[in-house]
Amino acid sequence: MKSDSINLPSGQRIAFLGTRDIDANKPSVIALHGWQDNAASFHSMTELLRDVCNLWVMDLAGHGYSSPRSYDNFYYFHDYVDDLAQFIDKLQLSSLHLVGHSLGGLISTCYAAAFPAKVRSLFLIESLAPLFESENNVVQRLTKGIQSRRIWREKSVRAMQSRAQALQLRQRVTPLEESLLWPMIERGTQETEQGVFWRHDVRLKADSLFRLSEAQSRAIVKAIQCPVTAVLGLDGFEELKQQQRQAWFSHLQVHQVPGGHHCHLESPALVSQRLIEHIQRHEKAAHFSK
């Protein structure tokens, strides 16, 4: 995989890991990582997918090597969907498979709903419908979100002594073995004379000003026309296993694999196998429908 970046029409620079030699006969796949992760989240899987597809693994805005939002901006969820749309247009892809973990899955779900002709299939890892909450929370969320922005605007960035310290801090949040997290730590930090700093923008931690209602989230899912496969960790988020939420999807297959919310790190071979089967199945279906 090569490390590269492109500038979107919006001015946002998006970094990515991509297939070195594009093969027009192979399916196109874009993968999106989760919140405060980066493209190295798919490190183990990229090795297994190398011969199967043309693959682009994005660093979301404010993550990894992608540029942060401008100072007068924050990380409104739907701007990620716009970034993905610009990225796809820039690559001139017309039919592709989207793979998303957690936040990356939510972004992929919304893009597939908005641009159904562009997406051949969805493969979601510990992710389903866009996040939603009761309309009764709208004022409280707005107040809390603005207060949160005020805090993070004034927050100073603190240096760490080493990448080993960065790993220890990450393990408090994501308690996985060093070997599983280390690729993300390497891509997600930078070493300077002043110490080691996270590459991701601290403003990512600011609370959202707005969240969809349940009806809006359901309407987005209902608009998805392509087949969807969801892989959920046996010890992952329980709300993703709710039959009611899964029933919103018209064409959904669900598989459970060993692991938690980062099950693709803990069971990369099994998740990759599911993804390869998913891609091959829907490539074959697309071929016979022509």
C-alpha atoms as a PDB file:
ATOM      1  CA  MET A   1       0.000   0.000   0.000  1.00  0.00           C
ATOM      2  CA  LYS A   2       1.208   3.515  -0.764  1.00  0.00           C
ATOM      3  CA  SER A   3       0.704   6.520   1.492  1.00  0.00           C
ATOM      4  CA  ASP A   4      -0.659   9.514  -0.408  1.00  0.00           C
ATOM      5  CA  SER A   5      -3.066  12.451  -0.144  1.00  0.00           C
ATOM      6  CA  ILE A   6      -5.348  14.553  -2.327  1.00  0.00           C
ATOM      7  CA  ASN A   7      -6.828  18.030  -1.971  1.00  0.00           C
ATOM      8  CA  LEU A   8     -10.608  18.175  -2.120  1.00  0.00           C
ATOM      9  CA  PRO A   9     -12.440  21.066  -3.821  1.00  0.00           C
ATOM     10  CA  SER A  10     -13.338  22.310  -0.312  1.00  0.00           C
ATOM     11  CA  GLY A  11      -9.633  22.769   0.446  1.00  0.00           C
ATOM     12  CA  GLN A  12      -9.555  19.830   2.854  1.00  0.00           C
ATOM     13  CA  ARG A  13      -6.512  17.592   2.414  1.00  0.00           C
ATOM     14  CA  ILE A  14      -7.335  13.916   2.797  1.00  0.00           C
ATOM     15  CA  ALA A  15      -4.530  11.425   3.352  1.00  0.00           C
ATOM     16  CA  PHE A  16      -4.970   7.760   2.549  1.00  0.00           C
ATOM     17  CA  LEU A  17      -3.319   4.387   2.134  1.00  0.00           C
ATOM     18  CA  GLY A  18      -4.003   3.056  -1.343  1.00  0.00           C
ATOM     19  CA  THR A  19      -3.312   0.250  -3.784  1.00  0.00           C
ATOM     20  CA  ARG A  20      -0.047   0.927  -5.619  1.00  0.00           C
ATOM     21  CA  ASP A  21      -1.048  -0.401  -9.022  1.00  0.00           C
ATOM     22  CA  ILE A  22      -4.725   0.017  -9.880  1.00  0.00           C
ATOM     23  CA  ASP A  23      -6.235  -2.936 -11.752  1.00  0.00           C
ATOM     24  CA  ALA A  24      -9.325  -1.951 -13.754  1.00  0.00           C
ATOM     25  CA  ASN A  25     -10.593  -5.530 -13.516  1.00  0.00           C
ATOM     26  CA  LYS A  26     -10.746  -5.503  -9.720  1.00  0.00           C
ATOM     27  CA  PRO A  27     -13.582  -4.031  -7.624  1.00  0.00           C
ATOM     28  CA  SER A  28     -13.069  -0.655  -5.956  1.00  0.00           C
ATOM     29  CA  VAL A  29     -13.258  -0.439  -2.150  1.00  0.00           C
ATOM     30  CA  ILE A  30     -13.022   2.592   0.150  1.00  0.00           C
ATOM     31  CA  ALA A  31     -12.562   1.982   3.876  1.00  0.00           C
ATOM     32  CA  LEU A  32     -13.220   4.507   6.652  1.00  0.00           C
ATOM     33  CA  HIS A  33     -11.984   4.187  10.237  1.00  0.00           C
ATOM     34  CA  GLY A  34     -13.590   5.125  13.534  1.00  0.00           C
ATOM     35  CA  TRP A  35     -13.444   8.224  15.744  1.00  0.00           C
ATOM     36  CA  GLN A  36      -9.895   9.155  16.826  1.00  0.00           C
ATOM     37  CA  ASP A  37      -8.453   6.186  14.909  1.00  0.00           C
ATOM     38  CA  ASN A  38      -6.742   6.478  11.510  1.00  0.00           C
ATOM     39  CA  ALA A  39      -6.164   4.517   8.311  1.00  0.00           C
ATOM     40  CA  ALA A  40      -3.786   2.123  10.111  1.00  0.00           C
ATOM     41  CA  SER A  41      -6.876   0.748  11.865  1.00  0.00           C
ATOM     42  CA  PHE A  42      -7.140  -1.529   8.796  1.00  0.00           C
ATOM     43  CA  HIS A  43      -3.425  -2.411   8.761  1.00  0.00           C
ATOM     44  CA  SER A  44      -3.867  -6.177   9.245  1.00  0.00           C
ATOM     45  CA  MET A  45      -6.787  -6.364   6.837  1.00  0.00           C
ATOM     46  CA  THR A  46      -5.019  -4.525   3.995  1.00  0.00           C
ATOM     47  CA  GLU A  47      -2.457  -7.313   3.752  1.00  0.00           C
ATOM     48  CA  LEU A  48      -5.251  -9.861   3.330  1.00  0.00           C
ATOM     49  CA  LEU A  49      -7.155  -7.719   0.799  1.00  0.00           C
ATOM     50  CA  ARG A  50      -4.144  -6.812  -1.334  1.00  0.00           C
ATOM     51  CA  ASP A  51      -4.966  -9.217  -4.193  1.00  0.00           C
ATOM     52  CA  VAL A  52      -8.750  -8.903  -4.012  1.00  0.00           C
ATOM     53  CA  CYS A  53      -9.546  -5.268  -4.779  1.00  0.00           C
ATOM     54  CA  ASN A  54      -8.349  -1.753  -5.444  1.00  0.00           C
ATOM     55  CA  LEU A  55      -8.377  -0.284  -1.948  1.00  0.00           C
ATOM     56  CA  TRP A  56      -8.317   3.251  -0.566  1.00  0.00           C
ATOM     57  CA  VAL A  57      -8.202   3.614   3.227  1.00  0.00           C
ATOM     58  CA  MET A  58      -8.883   7.219   4.227  1.00  0.00           C
ATOM     59  CA  ASP A  59      -7.692   9.270   7.155  1.00  0.00           C
ATOM     60  CA  LEU A  60     -10.820  11.235   8.075  1.00  0.00           C
ATOM     61  CA  ALA A  61     -10.454  15.013   8.412  1.00  0.00           C
ATOM     62  CA  GLY A  62      -8.575  15.876  11.596  1.00  0.00           C
ATOM     63  CA  HIS A  63      -7.227  12.322  11.900  1.00  0.00           C
ATOM     64  CA  GLY A  64      -3.894  10.772  10.951  1.00  0.00           C
ATOM     65  CA  TYR A  65      -2.171  12.707   8.162  1.00  0.00           C
ATOM     66  CA  SER A  66      -5.317  14.476   6.921  1.00  0.00           C
ATOM     67  CA  SER A  67      -5.511  18.198   7.586  1.00  0.00           C
ATOM     68  CA  PRO A  68      -7.663  19.533  10.435  1.00  0.00           C
ATOM     69  CA  ARG A  69     -10.749  21.641   9.839  1.00  0.00           C
ATOM     70  CA  SER A  70     -10.136  25.385   9.666  1.00  0.00           C
ATOM     71  CA  TYR A  71      -9.973  27.241  12.985  1.00  0.00           C
ATOM     72  CA  ASP A  72     -13.533  28.596  12.604  1.00  0.00           C
ATOM     73  CA  ASN A  73     -14.932  25.106  12.064  1.00  0.00           C
ATOM     74  CA  PHE A  74     -15.518  21.919  14.057  1.00  0.00           C
ATOM     75  CA  TYR A  75     -16.403  18.350  13.087  1.00  0.00           C
ATOM     76  CA  TYR A  76     -20.056  18.329  12.151  1.00  0.00           C
ATOM     77  CA  PHE A  77     -20.945  14.746  11.242  1.00  0.00           C
ATOM     78  CA  HIS A  78     -22.447  15.431   7.813  1.00  0.00           C
ATOM     79  CA  ASP A  79     -19.292  17.274   6.702  1.00  0.00           C
ATOM     80  CA  TYR A  80     -17.571  13.872   6.808  1.00  0.00           C
ATOM     81  CA  VAL A  81     -20.191  12.618   4.324  1.00  0.00           C
ATOM     82  CA  ASP A  82     -19.399  15.600   2.094  1.00  0.00           C
ATOM     83  CA  ASP A  83     -15.660  14.800   2.360  1.00  0.00           C
ATOM     84  CA  LEU A  84     -16.354  11.228   1.252  1.00  0.00           C
ATOM     85  CA  ALA A  85     -18.466  12.453  -1.669  1.00  0.00           C
ATOM     86  CA  GLN A  86     -15.670  14.772  -2.819  1.00  0.00           C
ATOM     87  CA  PHE A  87     -13.077  12.011  -2.395  1.00  0.00           C
ATOM     88  CA  ILE A  88     -15.112   9.598  -4.537  1.00  0.00           C
ATOM     89  CA  ASP A  89     -15.694  12.240  -7.206  1.00  0.00           C
ATOM     90  CA  LYS A  90     -11.978  13.087  -7.229  1.00  0.00           C
ATOM     91  CA  LEU A  91     -11.112   9.422  -7.808  1.00  0.00           C
ATOM     92  CA  GLN A  92     -13.834   9.258 -10.501  1.00  0.00           C
ATOM     93  CA  LEU A  93     -15.321   6.085  -9.062  1.00  0.00           C
ATOM     94  CA  SER A  94     -18.801   5.183 -10.281  1.00  0.00           C
ATOM     95  CA  SER A  95     -19.521   1.910  -8.496  1.00  0.00           C
ATOM     96  CA  LEU A  96     -17.780   0.876  -5.324  1.00  0.00           C
ATOM     97  CA  HIS A  97     -17.983  -1.039  -2.069  1.00  0.00           C
ATOM     98  CA  LEU A  98     -17.821   0.997   1.149  1.00  0.00           C
ATOM     99  CA  VAL A  99     -16.294  -0.437   4.314  1.00  0.00           C
ATOM    100  CA  GLY A 100     -16.689   1.444   7.574  1.00  0.00           C
ATOM    101  CA  HIS A 101     -15.802   0.850  11.198  1.00  0.00           C
ATOM    102  CA  SER A 102     -17.833   2.688  13.854  1.00  0.00           C
ATOM    103  CA  LEU A 103     -17.952   6.384  12.783  1.00  0.00           C
ATOM    104  CA  GLY A 104     -16.687   5.325   9.353  1.00  0.00           C
ATOM    105  CA  GLY A 105     -19.664   2.989   9.033  1.00  0.00           C
ATOM    106  CA  LEU A 106     -22.119   5.762   9.914  1.00  0.00           C
ATOM    107  CA  ILE A 107     -20.562   8.012   7.270  1.00  0.00           C
ATOM    108  CA  SER A 108     -20.741   5.201   4.706  1.00  0.00           C
ATOM    109  CA  THR A 109     -24.382   4.507   5.562  1.00  0.00           C
ATOM    110  CA  CYS A 110     -25.356   8.136   4.988  1.00  0.00           C
ATOM    111  CA  TYR A 111     -23.420   8.346   1.721  1.00  0.00           C
ATOM    112  CA  ALA A 112     -25.061   5.158   0.425  1.00  0.00           C
ATOM    113  CA  ALA A 113     -28.495   6.612   1.230  1.00  0.00           C
ATOM    114  CA  ALA A 114     -27.745   9.941  -0.469  1.00  0.00           C
ATOM    115  CA  PHE A 115     -26.023   8.492  -3.562  1.00  0.00           C
ATOM    116  CA  PRO A 116     -27.421   4.988  -4.121  1.00  0.00           C
ATOM    117  CA  ALA A 117     -26.232   4.747  -7.732  1.00  0.00           C
ATOM    118  CA  LYS A 118     -22.616   5.073  -6.604  1.00  0.00           C
ATOM    119  CA  VAL A 119     -22.555   2.285  -4.005  1.00  0.00           C
ATOM    120  CA  ARG A 120     -22.614  -1.385  -4.904  1.00  0.00           C
ATOM    121  CA  SER A 121     -22.564  -2.608  -1.295  1.00  0.00           C
ATOM    122  CA  LEU A 122     -21.933  -1.653   2.326  1.00  0.00           C
ATOM    123  CA  PHE A 123     -19.774  -3.570   4.801  1.00  0.00           C
ATOM    124  CA  LEU A 124     -20.165  -2.238   8.339  1.00  0.00           C
ATOM    125  CA  ILE A 125     -17.946  -3.156  11.290  1.00  0.00           C
ATOM    126  CA  GLU A 126     -19.465  -2.409  14.704  1.00  0.00           C
ATOM    127  CA  SER A 127     -21.747   0.135  13.072  1.00  0.00           C
ATOM    128  CA  LEU A 128     -25.317   0.400  11.773  1.00  0.00           C
ATOM    129  CA  ALA A 129     -27.726   3.354  11.656  1.00  0.00           C
ATOM    130  CA  PRO A 130     -26.629   6.973  12.219  1.00  0.00           C
ATOM    131  CA  LEU A 131     -26.650   7.991  15.887  1.00  0.00           C
ATOM    132  CA  PHE A 132     -29.943   9.429  17.105  1.00  0.00           C
ATOM    133  CA  GLU A 133     -31.620  10.667  20.269  1.00  0.00           C
ATOM    134  CA  SER A 134     -34.933  12.083  21.465  1.00  0.00           C
ATOM    135  CA  GLU A 135     -36.045  15.449  20.087  1.00  0.00           C
ATOM    136  CA  ASN A 136     -36.495  16.478  23.722  1.00  0.00           C
ATOM    137  CA  ASN A 137     -32.701  16.682  24.054  1.00  0.00           C
ATOM    138  CA  VAL A 138     -32.247  19.277  21.291  1.00  0.00           C
ATOM    139  CA  VAL A 139     -31.827  22.360  23.515  1.00  0.00           C
ATOM    140  CA  GLN A 140     -29.705  20.590  26.115  1.00  0.00           C
ATOM    141  CA  ARG A 141     -27.422  19.242  23.364  1.00  0.00           C
ATOM    142  CA  LEU A 142     -27.073  22.691  21.780  1.00  0.00           C
ATOM    143  CA  THR A 143     -26.133  24.270  25.113  1.00  0.00           C
ATOM    144  CA  LYS A 144     -23.720  21.495  26.057  1.00  0.00           C
ATOM    145  CA  GLY A 145     -22.192  21.456  22.575  1.00  0.00           C
ATOM    146  CA  ILE A 146     -21.424  25.191  22.534  1.00  0.00           C
ATOM    147  CA  GLN A 147     -19.968  25.020  26.047  1.00  0.00           C
ATOM    148  CA  SER A 148     -17.845  22.075  24.942  1.00  0.00           C
ATOM    149  CA  ARG A 149     -16.523  24.015  21.950  1.00  0.00           C
ATOM    150  CA  ARG A 150     -15.528  26.863  24.237  1.00  0.00           C
ATOM    151  CA  ILE A 151     -13.503  24.454  26.371  1.00  0.00           C
ATOM    152  CA  TRP A 152     -11.725  22.791  23.465  1.00  0.00           C
ATOM    153  CA  ARG A 153     -10.923  26.087  21.741  1.00  0.00           C
ATOM    154  CA  GLU A 154      -8.955  27.096  24.848  1.00  0.00           C
ATOM    155  CA  LYS A 155      -7.428  23.674  25.494  1.00  0.00           C
ATOM    156  CA  SER A 156      -3.635  23.578  25.286  1.00  0.00           C
ATOM    157  CA  VAL A 157      -2.006  20.598  23.615  1.00  0.00           C
ATOM    158  CA  ARG A 158       0.231  18.640  25.968  1.00  0.00           C
ATOM    159  CA  ALA A 159       3.298  16.717  24.863  1.00  0.00           C
ATOM    160  CA  MET A 160       3.897  13.084  25.742  1.00  0.00           C
ATOM    161  CA  GLN A 161       7.325  11.709  26.566  1.00  0.00           C
ATOM    162  CA  SER A 162       7.262   8.899  24.021  1.00  0.00           C
ATOM    163  CA  ARG A 163       5.107   6.823  21.722  1.00  0.00           C
ATOM    164  CA  ALA A 164       5.178   4.164  24.428  1.00  0.00           C
ATOM    165  CA  GLN A 165       3.319   6.624  26.649  1.00  0.00           C
ATOM    166  CA  ALA A 166       0.863   7.303  23.824  1.00  0.00           C
ATOM    167  CA  LEU A 167       0.251   3.566  23.597  1.00  0.00           C
ATOM    168  CA  GLN A 168      -0.414   3.340  27.344  1.00  0.00           C
ATOM    169  CA  LEU A 169      -2.889   6.219  27.159  1.00  0.00           C
ATOM    170  CA  ARG A 170      -4.673   4.600  24.224  1.00  0.00           C
ATOM    171  CA  GLN A 171      -4.829   1.248  25.989  1.00  0.00           C
ATOM    172  CA  ARG A 172      -6.809   2.880  28.815  1.00  0.00           C
ATOM    173  CA  VAL A 173      -9.551   3.611  26.262  1.00  0.00           C
ATOM    174  CA  THR A 174      -9.043   0.611  23.965  1.00  0.00           C
ATOM    175  CA  PRO A 175      -7.620  -2.215  26.106  1.00  0.00           C
ATOM    176  CA  LEU A 176      -5.947  -4.254  23.368  1.00  0.00           C
ATOM    177  CA  GLU A 177      -2.495  -5.778  22.987  1.00  0.00           C
ATOM    178  CA  GLU A 178       0.368  -3.520  21.912  1.00  0.00           C
ATOM    179  CA  SER A 179       0.816  -5.288  18.565  1.00  0.00           C
ATOM    180  CA  LEU A 180      -2.796  -4.552  17.599  1.00  0.00           C
ATOM    181  CA  LEU A 181      -2.684  -0.849  18.448  1.00  0.00           C
ATOM    182  CA  TRP A 182       0.884   0.011  17.481  1.00  0.00           C
ATOM    183  CA  PRO A 183       0.255   0.724  13.751  1.00  0.00           C
ATOM    184  CA  MET A 184      -2.409   3.290  14.721  1.00  0.00           C
ATOM    185  CA  ILE A 185      -0.082   4.810  17.336  1.00  0.00           C
ATOM    186  CA  GLU A 186       2.704   5.205  14.774  1.00  0.00           C
ATOM    187  CA  ARG A 187       0.416   6.847  12.213  1.00  0.00           C
ATOM    188  CA  GLY A 188      -1.457   8.839  14.815  1.00  0.00           C
ATOM    189  CA  THR A 189       1.480  10.558  16.545  1.00  0.00           C
ATOM    190  CA  GLN A 190       4.374  12.813  15.598  1.00  0.00           C
ATOM    191  CA  GLU A 191       7.738  13.137  17.299  1.00  0.00           C
ATOM    192  CA  THR A 192       9.213  16.628  17.782  1.00  0.00           C
ATOM    193  CA  GLU A 193      11.951  18.242  19.864  1.00  0.00           C
ATOM    194  CA  GLN A 194       9.248  19.198  22.374  1.00  0.00           C
ATOM    195  CA  GLY A 195       7.976  15.635  22.695  1.00  0.00           C
ATOM    196  CA  VAL A 196       5.388  13.360  21.081  1.00  0.00           C
ATOM    197  CA  PHE A 197       2.021  14.764  20.040  1.00  0.00           C
ATOM    198  CA  TRP A 198      -1.198  13.208  18.787  1.00  0.00           C
ATOM    199  CA  ARG A 199      -1.883  14.006  15.144  1.00  0.00           C
ATOM    200  CA  HIS A 200      -5.656  14.044  15.598  1.00  0.00           C
ATOM    201  CA  ASP A 201      -7.286  17.400  16.258  1.00  0.00           C
ATOM    202  CA  VAL A 202      -8.246  17.954  19.911  1.00  0.00           C
ATOM    203  CA  ARG A 203     -11.482  19.603  18.682  1.00  0.00           C
ATOM    204  CA  LEU A 204     -12.718  16.136  17.736  1.00  0.00           C
ATOM    205  CA  LYS A 205     -13.623  15.746  21.401  1.00  0.00           C
ATOM    206  CA  ALA A 206     -16.113  18.612  21.337  1.00  0.00           C
ATOM    207  CA  ASP A 207     -19.735  17.484  21.730  1.00  0.00           C
ATOM    208  CA  SER A 208     -22.065  17.627  18.740  1.00  0.00           C
ATOM    209  CA  LEU A 209     -24.461  20.571  18.547  1.00  0.00           C
ATOM    210  CA  PHE A 210     -27.150  18.472  16.920  1.00  0.00           C
ATOM    211  CA  ARG A 211     -28.114  14.825  16.575  1.00  0.00           C
ATOM    212  CA  LEU A 212     -30.693  13.165  14.347  1.00  0.00           C
ATOM    213  CA  SER A 213     -34.011  11.992  15.692  1.00  0.00           C
ATOM    214  CA  GLU A 214     -34.862   8.301  15.519  1.00  0.00           C
ATOM    215  CA  ALA A 215     -37.253   8.948  12.626  1.00  0.00           C
ATOM    216  CA  GLN A 216     -34.527  10.758  10.655  1.00  0.00           C
ATOM    217  CA  SER A 217     -31.999   7.994  11.263  1.00  0.00           C
ATOM    218  CA  ARG A 218     -34.520   5.373  10.193  1.00  0.00           C
ATOM    219  CA  ALA A 219     -35.372   7.366   7.025  1.00  0.00           C
ATOM    220  CA  ILE A 220     -31.695   7.380   6.036  1.00  0.00           C
ATOM    221  CA  VAL A 221     -31.418   3.614   6.494  1.00  0.00           C
ATOM    222  CA  LYS A 222     -34.652   3.021   4.579  1.00  0.00           C
ATOM    223  CA  ALA A 223     -33.189   4.937   1.608  1.00  0.00           C
ATOM    224  CA  ILE A 224     -30.271   2.502   1.233  1.00  0.00           C
ATOM    225  CA  GLN A 225     -30.761   0.363  -1.859  1.00  0.00           C
ATOM    226  CA  CYS A 226     -27.602  -1.744  -1.840  1.00  0.00           C
ATOM    227  CA  PRO A 227     -27.011  -4.952   0.140  1.00  0.00           C
ATOM    228  CA  VAL A 228     -25.449  -4.500   3.579  1.00  0.00           C
ATOM    229  CA  THR A 229     -23.303  -6.816   5.676  1.00  0.00           C
ATOM    230  CA  ALA A 230     -22.643  -5.965   9.314  1.00  0.00           C
ATOM    231  CA  VAL A 231     -19.908  -7.607  11.367  1.00  0.00           C
ATOM    232  CA  LEU A 232     -20.378  -7.167  15.113  1.00  0.00           C
ATOM    233  CA  GLY A 233     -17.999  -8.089  17.911  1.00  0.00           C
ATOM    234  CA  LEU A 234     -19.306 -10.622  20.398  1.00  0.00           C
ATOM    235  CA  ASP A 235     -18.208  -8.192  23.120  1.00  0.00           C
ATOM    236  CA  GLY A 236     -19.002  -5.068  21.117  1.00  0.00           C
ATOM    237  CA  PHE A 237     -21.750  -2.475  21.562  1.00  0.00           C
ATOM    238  CA  GLU A 238     -24.935  -4.212  22.674  1.00  0.00           C
ATOM    239  CA  GLU A 239     -27.270  -1.659  21.057  1.00  0.00           C
ATOM    240  CA  LEU A 240     -26.034  -2.781  17.627  1.00  0.00           C
ATOM    241  CA  LYS A 241     -27.449  -6.229  18.293  1.00  0.00           C
ATOM    242  CA  GLN A 242     -31.007  -4.953  18.773  1.00  0.00           C
ATOM    243  CA  GLN A 243     -33.323  -6.649  16.292  1.00  0.00           C
ATOM    244  CA  GLN A 244     -35.475  -3.538  15.986  1.00  0.00           C
ATOM    245  CA  ARG A 245     -32.590  -1.422  14.696  1.00  0.00           C
ATOM    246  CA  GLN A 246     -31.369  -4.156  12.362  1.00  0.00           C
ATOM    247  CA  ALA A 247     -34.908  -4.488  10.937  1.00  0.00           C
ATOM    248  CA  TRP A 248     -34.661  -0.989   9.465  1.00  0.00           C
ATOM    249  CA  PHE A 249     -32.371  -2.392   6.752  1.00  0.00           C
ATOM    250  CA  SER A 250     -33.996  -4.008   3.717  1.00  0.00           C
ATOM    251  CA  HIS A 251     -30.996  -6.160   2.753  1.00  0.00           C
ATOM    252  CA  LEU A 252     -28.908  -6.908   5.844  1.00  0.00           C
ATOM    253  CA  GLN A 253     -26.749  -9.876   6.801  1.00  0.00           C
ATOM    254  CA  VAL A 254     -25.255  -9.891  10.294  1.00  0.00           C
ATOM    255  CA  HIS A 255     -22.225 -11.879  11.447  1.00  0.00           C
ATOM    256  CA  GLN A 256     -20.698 -11.949  14.905  1.00  0.00           C
ATOM    257  CA  VAL A 257     -16.981 -12.484  15.426  1.00  0.00           C
ATOM    258  CA  PRO A 258     -14.727 -12.720  18.488  1.00  0.00           C
ATOM    259  CA  GLY A 259     -13.713  -9.341  19.857  1.00  0.00           C
ATOM    260  CA  GLY A 260     -15.108  -6.045  21.037  1.00  0.00           C
ATOM    261  CA  HIS A 261     -15.694  -2.718  19.321  1.00  0.00           C
ATOM    262  CA  HIS A 262     -12.383  -3.101  17.436  1.00  0.00           C
ATOM    263  CA  CYS A 263     -13.102  -6.680  16.401  1.00  0.00           C
ATOM    264  CA  HIS A 264     -11.390  -6.100  13.037  1.00  0.00           C
ATOM    265  CA  LEU A 265      -8.134  -5.663  14.988  1.00  0.00           C
ATOM    266  CA  GLU A 266      -8.739  -8.704  17.170  1.00  0.00           C
ATOM    267  CA  SER A 267     -10.058 -11.009  14.414  1.00  0.00           C
ATOM    268  CA  PRO A 268      -8.618  -9.552  11.176  1.00  0.00           C
ATOM    269  CA  ALA A 269      -8.505 -12.851   9.269  1.00  0.00           C
ATOM    270  CA  LEU A 270     -12.139 -13.665  10.026  1.00  0.00           C
ATOM    271  CA  VAL A 271     -13.400 -10.139   9.310  1.00  0.00           C
ATOM    272  CA  SER A 272     -11.355 -10.043   6.080  1.00  0.00           C
ATOM    273  CA  GLN A 273     -12.779 -13.408   5.056  1.00  0.00           C
ATOM    274  CA  ARG A 274     -16.307 -12.068   5.580  1.00  0.00           C
ATOM    275  CA  LEU A 275     -15.448  -8.964   3.580  1.00  0.00           C
ATOM    276  CA  ILE A 276     -13.935 -10.919   0.697  1.00  0.00           C
ATOM    277  CA  GLU A 277     -17.001 -13.176   0.554  1.00  0.00           C
ATOM    278  CA  HIS A 278     -19.213 -10.078   0.664  1.00  0.00           C
ATOM    279  CA  ILE A 279     -17.367  -8.363  -2.205  1.00  0.00           C
ATOM    280  CA  GLN A 280     -17.237 -11.474  -4.386  1.00  0.00           C
ATOM    281  CA  ARG A 281     -20.917 -12.239  -3.808  1.00  0.00           C
ATOM    282  CA  HIS A 282     -22.088  -8.781  -4.793  1.00  0.00           C
ATOM    283  CA  GLU A 283     -19.647  -8.438  -7.671  1.00  0.00           C
ATOM    284  CA  LYS A 284     -21.064 -11.673  -9.078  1.00  0.00           C
ATOM    285  CA  ALA A 285     -24.637 -10.446  -8.536  1.00  0.00           C
ATOM    286  CA  ALA A 286     -23.848  -7.181 -10.308  1.00  0.00           C
ATOM    287  CA  HIS A 287     -22.298  -9.082 -13.229  1.00  0.00           C
ATOM    288  CA  PHE A 288     -25.358 -11.294 -13.727  1.00  0.00           C
ATOM    289  CA  SER A 289     -27.756  -8.333 -13.459  1.00  0.00           C
ATOM    290  CA  LYS A 290     -26.180  -6.614 -16.483  1.00  0.00           C
END
